[in-house]
Amino acid sequence: MPLIKVQTSLPTPEKATVEAMLKDLSSSLASHLGKPESYVMTAFEGDVPMTFAGTTDPVCYVEIKSVGTMGAKTKAMSEDFCSKVESTLGVPKNRTYIEFADAAGAMWGWNGRTFG
């Protein structure tokens, strides 16, 4: 049910680099939310045409969605995930936006059912 999706204007790094980053993000998201990692999905998309602050300098957009309320956890998650993106991809924290979205269980499907 938790999802973290990373989009960047940078070219896609080597497969091993992307996979290592996604595995790191997966375990971190599970830890932050206190949910089993067996439900966490990660995704990565590089080479996305993007601008930020009127420039095409490297930029990153991260979506984090989960059933339930993230509330006060978002501040720590923002720091953690911006740092991870910066260290892995080289995109500065001030050129990364993160969207946190709480989802109602009935609006999240899996395995032919929903979580609500």
C-alpha atoms as a PDB file:
ATOM      1  CA  MET A   1       0.000   0.000   0.000  1.00  0.00           C
ATOM      2  CA  PRO A   2       2.800   2.523   0.499  1.00  0.00           C
ATOM      3  CA  LEU A   3       4.291   3.772  -2.757  1.00  0.00           C
ATOM      4  CA  ILE A   4       7.357   5.887  -3.408  1.00  0.00           C
ATOM      5  CA  LYS A   5       7.906   7.037  -6.990  1.00  0.00           C
ATOM      6  CA  VAL A   6      10.945   9.037  -8.073  1.00  0.00           C
ATOM      7  CA  GLN A   7      11.011  11.054 -11.292  1.00  0.00           C
ATOM      8  CA  THR A   8      14.047  13.023 -12.406  1.00  0.00           C
ATOM      9  CA  SER A   9      15.229  15.036 -15.358  1.00  0.00           C
ATOM     10  CA  LEU A  10      18.592  13.268 -15.196  1.00  0.00           C
ATOM     11  CA  PRO A  11      19.416  10.345 -17.452  1.00  0.00           C
ATOM     12  CA  THR A  12      18.621   6.997 -15.873  1.00  0.00           C
ATOM     13  CA  PRO A  13      21.670   5.684 -13.967  1.00  0.00           C
ATOM     14  CA  GLU A  14      22.945   2.128 -14.315  1.00  0.00           C
ATOM     15  CA  LYS A  15      20.393  -0.552 -13.433  1.00  0.00           C
ATOM     16  CA  ALA A  16      22.308  -1.615 -10.313  1.00  0.00           C
ATOM     17  CA  THR A  17      22.330   1.971  -8.994  1.00  0.00           C
ATOM     18  CA  VAL A  18      18.583   2.366  -9.541  1.00  0.00           C
ATOM     19  CA  GLU A  19      17.792  -1.003  -7.948  1.00  0.00           C
ATOM     20  CA  ALA A  20      19.961  -0.252  -4.904  1.00  0.00           C
ATOM     21  CA  MET A  21      18.282   3.143  -4.469  1.00  0.00           C
ATOM     22  CA  LEU A  22      14.780   1.641  -4.780  1.00  0.00           C
ATOM     23  CA  LYS A  23      15.571  -1.077  -2.232  1.00  0.00           C
ATOM     24  CA  ASP A  24      16.919   1.562   0.163  1.00  0.00           C
ATOM     25  CA  LEU A  25      13.836   3.743  -0.329  1.00  0.00           C
ATOM     26  CA  SER A  26      11.563   0.722   0.170  1.00  0.00           C
ATOM     27  CA  SER A  27      13.038  -0.283   3.519  1.00  0.00           C
ATOM     28  CA  SER A  28      13.179   3.342   4.682  1.00  0.00           C
ATOM     29  CA  LEU A  29       9.544   3.998   3.768  1.00  0.00           C
ATOM     30  CA  ALA A  30       8.416   0.850   5.586  1.00  0.00           C
ATOM     31  CA  SER A  31      10.387   1.934   8.640  1.00  0.00           C
ATOM     32  CA  HIS A  32       9.041   5.506   8.634  1.00  0.00           C
ATOM     33  CA  LEU A  33       5.447   4.313   8.300  1.00  0.00           C
ATOM     34  CA  GLY A  34       5.712   1.272  10.561  1.00  0.00           C
ATOM     35  CA  LYS A  35       4.270  -0.926   7.804  1.00  0.00           C
ATOM     36  CA  PRO A  36       5.542  -4.233   6.435  1.00  0.00           C
ATOM     37  CA  GLU A  37       7.942  -3.808   3.542  1.00  0.00           C
ATOM     38  CA  SER A  38       6.088  -6.643   1.801  1.00  0.00           C
ATOM     39  CA  TYR A  39       3.427  -4.048   0.867  1.00  0.00           C
ATOM     40  CA  VAL A  40       5.796  -1.265  -0.276  1.00  0.00           C
ATOM     41  CA  MET A  41       6.106  -0.482  -3.998  1.00  0.00           C
ATOM     42  CA  THR A  42       8.854   1.659  -5.501  1.00  0.00           C
ATOM     43  CA  ALA A  43       9.212   3.133  -8.983  1.00  0.00           C
ATOM     44  CA  PHE A  44      11.804   5.173 -10.836  1.00  0.00           C
ATOM     45  CA  GLU A  45      11.608   7.212 -14.020  1.00  0.00           C
ATOM     46  CA  GLY A  46      14.571   9.065 -15.490  1.00  0.00           C
ATOM     47  CA  ASP A  47      14.917  11.355 -18.483  1.00  0.00           C
ATOM     48  CA  VAL A  48      11.653  13.146 -17.676  1.00  0.00           C
ATOM     49  CA  PRO A  49      11.475  16.605 -19.283  1.00  0.00           C
ATOM     50  CA  MET A  50      11.159  18.891 -16.243  1.00  0.00           C
ATOM     51  CA  THR A  51      11.856  22.438 -15.114  1.00  0.00           C
ATOM     52  CA  PHE A  52      12.126  23.990 -11.676  1.00  0.00           C
ATOM     53  CA  ALA A  53      12.550  27.673 -10.903  1.00  0.00           C
ATOM     54  CA  GLY A  54      12.522  28.356 -14.623  1.00  0.00           C
ATOM     55  CA  THR A  55      15.582  26.223 -15.417  1.00  0.00           C
ATOM     56  CA  THR A  56      16.277  22.756 -16.746  1.00  0.00           C
ATOM     57  CA  ASP A  57      19.030  22.130 -14.191  1.00  0.00           C
ATOM     58  CA  PRO A  58      18.709  18.652 -12.598  1.00  0.00           C
ATOM     59  CA  VAL A  59      15.445  18.285 -10.712  1.00  0.00           C
ATOM     60  CA  CYS A  60      13.538  15.535  -8.926  1.00  0.00           C
ATOM     61  CA  TYR A  61       9.900  14.915  -8.042  1.00  0.00           C
ATOM     62  CA  VAL A  62       8.993  12.251  -5.485  1.00  0.00           C
ATOM     63  CA  GLU A  63       5.494  10.925  -4.749  1.00  0.00           C
ATOM     64  CA  ILE A  64       4.815   9.141  -1.494  1.00  0.00           C
ATOM     65  CA  LYS A  65       1.365   7.639  -1.055  1.00  0.00           C
ATOM     66  CA  SER A  66       0.005   5.458   1.708  1.00  0.00           C
ATOM     67  CA  VAL A  67      -3.249   4.254   3.205  1.00  0.00           C
ATOM     68  CA  GLY A  68      -3.719   6.036   6.512  1.00  0.00           C
ATOM     69  CA  THR A  69      -2.303   9.246   7.886  1.00  0.00           C
ATOM     70  CA  MET A  70       1.355  10.187   7.534  1.00  0.00           C
ATOM     71  CA  GLY A  71       0.850  13.424   9.476  1.00  0.00           C
ATOM     72  CA  ALA A  72       3.844  14.369  11.599  1.00  0.00           C
ATOM     73  CA  LYS A  73       6.044  11.746   9.905  1.00  0.00           C
ATOM     74  CA  THR A  74       6.396  13.809   6.724  1.00  0.00           C
ATOM     75  CA  LYS A  75       9.055  16.181   8.069  1.00  0.00           C
ATOM     76  CA  ALA A  76      11.468  13.342   8.887  1.00  0.00           C
ATOM     77  CA  MET A  77      10.621  11.569   5.636  1.00  0.00           C
ATOM     78  CA  SER A  78      11.296  14.729   3.611  1.00  0.00           C
ATOM     79  CA  GLU A  79      14.757  15.105   5.145  1.00  0.00           C
ATOM     80  CA  ASP A  80      15.559  11.405   4.714  1.00  0.00           C
ATOM     81  CA  PHE A  81      14.357  11.015   1.136  1.00  0.00           C
ATOM     82  CA  CYS A  82      15.790  14.332  -0.093  1.00  0.00           C
ATOM     83  CA  SER A  83      19.162  13.255   1.341  1.00  0.00           C
ATOM     84  CA  LYS A  84      18.928   9.841  -0.328  1.00  0.00           C
ATOM     85  CA  VAL A  85      18.039  11.382  -3.703  1.00  0.00           C
ATOM     86  CA  GLU A  86      20.872  13.878  -3.393  1.00  0.00           C
ATOM     87  CA  SER A  87      23.474  11.250  -2.474  1.00  0.00           C
ATOM     88  CA  THR A  88      22.360   8.773  -5.151  1.00  0.00           C
ATOM     89  CA  LEU A  89      21.399  11.016  -8.068  1.00  0.00           C
ATOM     90  CA  GLY A  90      23.170  14.255  -7.205  1.00  0.00           C
ATOM     91  CA  VAL A  91      20.001  16.366  -7.323  1.00  0.00           C
ATOM     92  CA  PRO A  92      20.257  19.054  -4.622  1.00  0.00           C
ATOM     93  CA  LYS A  93      17.646  19.024  -1.864  1.00  0.00           C
ATOM     94  CA  ASN A  94      16.467  22.475  -2.927  1.00  0.00           C
ATOM     95  CA  ARG A  95      15.589  21.101  -6.379  1.00  0.00           C
ATOM     96  CA  THR A  96      13.491  18.198  -5.102  1.00  0.00           C
ATOM     97  CA  TYR A  97       9.774  18.338  -4.391  1.00  0.00           C
ATOM     98  CA  ILE A  98       8.026  15.592  -2.442  1.00  0.00           C
ATOM     99  CA  GLU A  99       4.268  15.111  -2.560  1.00  0.00           C
ATOM    100  CA  PHE A 100       2.820  13.219   0.396  1.00  0.00           C
ATOM    101  CA  ALA A 101      -0.664  11.824  -0.176  1.00  0.00           C
ATOM    102  CA  ASP A 102      -2.777   9.922   2.334  1.00  0.00           C
ATOM    103  CA  ALA A 103      -5.234   7.550   0.675  1.00  0.00           C
ATOM    104  CA  ALA A 104      -8.487   6.180   2.022  1.00  0.00           C
ATOM    105  CA  GLY A 105      -8.402   2.392   2.159  1.00  0.00           C
ATOM    106  CA  ALA A 106     -11.345   2.106  -0.222  1.00  0.00           C
ATOM    107  CA  MET A 107      -9.379   4.110  -2.803  1.00  0.00           C
ATOM    108  CA  TRP A 108      -6.378   1.752  -2.854  1.00  0.00           C
ATOM    109  CA  GLY A 109      -6.741  -1.632  -4.573  1.00  0.00           C
ATOM    110  CA  TRP A 110      -4.610  -4.756  -4.391  1.00  0.00           C
ATOM    111  CA  ASN A 111      -5.119  -8.429  -5.095  1.00  0.00           C
ATOM    112  CA  GLY A 112      -8.654  -7.893  -6.435  1.00  0.00           C
ATOM    113  CA  ARG A 113      -9.752  -6.101  -3.254  1.00  0.00           C
ATOM    114  CA  THR A 114      -9.296  -2.744  -1.567  1.00  0.00           C
ATOM    115  CA  PHE A 115      -7.863  -1.876   1.839  1.00  0.00           C
ATOM    116  CA  GLY A 116     -11.126  -0.340   3.040  1.00  0.00           C
END
